[in-house]
Amino acid sequence: MTNLSRDYIRDYYQMPNLKKGLKVTYRGKTGKITGFVNSYIKIKTDDGLVNGNVHPQDEELEIMY
């Protein structure tokens, strides 16, 4: 299911380089992508305070390719 979710996000939101392990910044905190569920990106911040699903178009999400 994870690969189907990832592929959907890649295609629909035009994010061809999206994959697990990429570094992100979310609400001013750094972290990484841990997976994909439905049309959401699962992230975990380095401090462990944010561990959840974020919409690919969330303005507070920055993916560092």
N, C-alpha and C. Protein backbone atom coordinates (compact mmCIF):
# COMPACT_ATOMS: atom_id res chain seq x y z
N MET A 1 0.82 -1.20 0.00
CA MET A 1 0.00 0.00 0.00
C MET A 1 0.86 1.26 0.00
N THR A 2 1.99 1.21 0.67
CA THR A 2 2.85 2.39 0.75
C THR A 2 3.30 2.84 -0.63
N ASN A 3 3.73 1.91 -1.48
CA ASN A 3 4.20 2.29 -2.81
C ASN A 3 3.09 2.88 -3.66
N LEU A 4 1.88 2.38 -3.53
CA LEU A 4 0.76 2.93 -4.28
C LEU A 4 0.48 4.36 -3.81
N SER A 5 0.52 4.58 -2.51
CA SER A 5 0.30 5.93 -1.97
C SER A 5 1.40 6.88 -2.44
N ARG A 6 2.65 6.43 -2.36
CA ARG A 6 3.77 7.25 -2.79
C ARG A 6 3.64 7.58 -4.28
N ASP A 7 3.33 6.58 -5.09
CA ASP A 7 3.20 6.80 -6.52
C ASP A 7 2.06 7.76 -6.85
N TYR A 8 0.96 7.65 -6.11
CA TYR A 8 -0.16 8.57 -6.31
C TYR A 8 0.27 10.00 -6.03
N ILE A 9 0.95 10.23 -4.90
CA ILE A 9 1.40 11.57 -4.54
C ILE A 9 2.39 12.09 -5.58
N ARG A 10 3.32 11.23 -6.00
CA ARG A 10 4.30 11.62 -7.03
C ARG A 10 3.62 12.12 -8.29
N ASP A 11 2.63 11.36 -8.74
CA ASP A 11 1.95 11.69 -10.00
C ASP A 11 0.99 12.87 -9.84
N TYR A 12 0.11 12.80 -8.86
CA TYR A 12 -0.96 13.80 -8.73
C TYR A 12 -0.41 15.17 -8.35
N TYR A 13 0.56 15.20 -7.44
CA TYR A 13 1.10 16.48 -6.97
C TYR A 13 2.43 16.85 -7.66
N GLN A 14 2.79 16.09 -8.68
CA GLN A 14 3.98 16.35 -9.49
C GLN A 14 5.24 16.48 -8.62
N MET A 15 5.50 15.44 -7.84
CA MET A 15 6.66 15.37 -6.95
C MET A 15 7.45 14.11 -7.29
N PRO A 16 8.08 14.05 -8.48
CA PRO A 16 8.69 12.81 -8.96
C PRO A 16 9.84 12.27 -8.11
N ASN A 17 10.49 13.10 -7.32
CA ASN A 17 11.64 12.66 -6.53
C ASN A 17 11.26 12.28 -5.09
N LEU A 18 10.00 12.21 -4.80
CA LEU A 18 9.53 11.92 -3.45
C LEU A 18 9.88 10.49 -3.04
N LYS A 19 10.47 10.34 -1.84
CA LYS A 19 10.79 9.01 -1.32
C LYS A 19 10.99 9.08 0.19
N LYS A 20 10.97 7.92 0.82
CA LYS A 20 11.24 7.83 2.25
C LYS A 20 12.64 8.31 2.56
N GLY A 21 12.79 8.92 3.74
CA GLY A 21 14.11 9.33 4.18
C GLY A 21 14.51 10.74 3.80
N LEU A 22 13.75 11.38 2.91
CA LEU A 22 14.08 12.75 2.54
C LEU A 22 13.91 13.66 3.75
N LYS A 23 14.79 14.64 3.86
CA LYS A 23 14.70 15.60 4.95
C LYS A 23 13.59 16.60 4.67
N VAL A 24 12.90 17.00 5.74
CA VAL A 24 11.81 17.97 5.63
C VAL A 24 11.95 19.02 6.74
N THR A 25 11.28 20.13 6.52
CA THR A 25 11.06 21.11 7.58
C THR A 25 9.56 21.28 7.68
N TYR A 26 9.04 21.17 8.90
CA TYR A 26 7.61 21.31 9.12
C TYR A 26 7.39 22.13 10.39
N ARG A 27 6.71 23.24 10.21
CA ARG A 27 6.45 24.17 11.32
C ARG A 27 7.74 24.55 12.05
N GLY A 28 8.80 24.78 11.26
CA GLY A 28 10.07 25.22 11.81
C GLY A 28 10.93 24.12 12.40
N LYS A 29 10.50 22.88 12.32
CA LYS A 29 11.26 21.75 12.87
C LYS A 29 11.75 20.87 11.74
N THR A 30 12.97 20.36 11.87
CA THR A 30 13.52 19.47 10.86
C THR A 30 13.14 18.03 11.18
N GLY A 31 13.09 17.23 10.15
CA GLY A 31 12.75 15.82 10.32
C GLY A 31 12.94 15.08 9.02
N LYS A 32 12.19 13.97 8.88
CA LYS A 32 12.31 13.19 7.65
C LYS A 32 10.99 12.51 7.33
N ILE A 33 10.88 12.09 6.07
CA ILE A 33 9.71 11.36 5.61
C ILE A 33 9.88 9.90 6.05
N THR A 34 8.84 9.37 6.71
CA THR A 34 8.91 7.99 7.17
C THR A 34 8.00 7.06 6.39
N GLY A 35 7.13 7.61 5.56
CA GLY A 35 6.25 6.75 4.76
C GLY A 35 5.13 7.56 4.13
N PHE A 36 4.14 6.82 3.64
CA PHE A 36 3.02 7.44 2.93
C PHE A 36 1.75 6.68 3.28
N VAL A 37 0.66 7.40 3.46
CA VAL A 37 -0.62 6.77 3.73
C VAL A 37 -1.70 7.54 2.96
N ASN A 38 -2.43 6.82 2.13
CA ASN A 38 -3.43 7.44 1.25
C ASN A 38 -2.76 8.58 0.49
N SER A 39 -3.25 9.81 0.60
CA SER A 39 -2.63 10.92 -0.13
C SER A 39 -1.83 11.83 0.82
N TYR A 40 -1.33 11.27 1.91
CA TYR A 40 -0.58 12.03 2.90
C TYR A 40 0.85 11.52 3.04
N ILE A 41 1.73 12.42 3.46
CA ILE A 41 3.12 12.08 3.72
C ILE A 41 3.29 11.93 5.22
N LYS A 42 3.85 10.80 5.65
CA LYS A 42 4.12 10.58 7.07
C LYS A 42 5.48 11.17 7.40
N ILE A 43 5.53 12.02 8.42
CA ILE A 43 6.80 12.61 8.81
C ILE A 43 7.05 12.41 10.30
N LYS A 44 8.32 12.51 10.67
CA LYS A 44 8.72 12.49 12.07
C LYS A 44 9.80 13.55 12.23
N THR A 45 9.58 14.49 13.15
CA THR A 45 10.58 15.52 13.38
C THR A 45 11.71 14.96 14.23
N ASP A 46 12.87 15.59 14.13
CA ASP A 46 14.05 15.12 14.85
C ASP A 46 13.85 15.11 16.36
N ASP A 47 13.04 16.05 16.87
CA ASP A 47 12.80 16.09 18.31
C ASP A 47 11.67 15.16 18.74
N GLY A 48 11.02 14.51 17.77
CA GLY A 48 9.97 13.55 18.06
C GLY A 48 8.63 14.15 18.44
N LEU A 49 8.52 15.47 18.42
CA LEU A 49 7.27 16.11 18.84
C LEU A 49 6.18 16.05 17.78
N VAL A 50 6.57 16.01 16.52
CA VAL A 50 5.59 15.88 15.44
C VAL A 50 5.82 14.53 14.78
N ASN A 51 4.81 13.70 14.82
CA ASN A 51 4.89 12.39 14.20
C ASN A 51 3.51 12.12 13.61
N GLY A 52 3.33 12.46 12.34
CA GLY A 52 2.00 12.31 11.78
C GLY A 52 1.95 12.45 10.28
N ASN A 53 0.73 12.60 9.81
CA ASN A 53 0.47 12.68 8.38
C ASN A 53 0.27 14.14 7.97
N VAL A 54 0.94 14.53 6.89
CA VAL A 54 0.88 15.90 6.41
C VAL A 54 0.48 15.87 4.94
N HIS A 55 -0.40 16.77 4.56
CA HIS A 55 -0.81 16.86 3.16
C HIS A 55 0.35 17.39 2.34
N PRO A 56 0.58 16.86 1.14
CA PRO A 56 1.70 17.30 0.30
C PRO A 56 1.69 18.79 -0.03
N GLN A 57 0.53 19.42 -0.01
CA GLN A 57 0.45 20.84 -0.34
C GLN A 57 0.36 21.72 0.90
N ASP A 58 0.61 21.17 2.08
CA ASP A 58 0.61 21.96 3.31
C ASP A 58 1.68 23.04 3.19
N GLU A 59 1.30 24.28 3.39
CA GLU A 59 2.23 25.40 3.23
C GLU A 59 3.38 25.36 4.23
N GLU A 60 3.22 24.65 5.34
CA GLU A 60 4.26 24.58 6.36
C GLU A 60 5.25 23.44 6.12
N LEU A 61 5.02 22.66 5.09
CA LEU A 61 5.90 21.54 4.76
C LEU A 61 6.88 21.94 3.66
N GLU A 62 8.15 21.74 3.93
CA GLU A 62 9.20 21.98 2.93
C GLU A 62 10.02 20.71 2.80
N ILE A 63 10.08 20.16 1.60
CA ILE A 63 10.84 18.93 1.35
C ILE A 63 12.16 19.31 0.71
N MET A 64 13.25 18.81 1.28
CA MET A 64 14.58 19.12 0.77
C MET A 64 15.07 17.96 -0.10
N TYR A 65 14.95 18.13 -1.42
CA TYR A 65 15.32 17.09 -2.36
C TYR A 65 16.81 16.97 -2.48
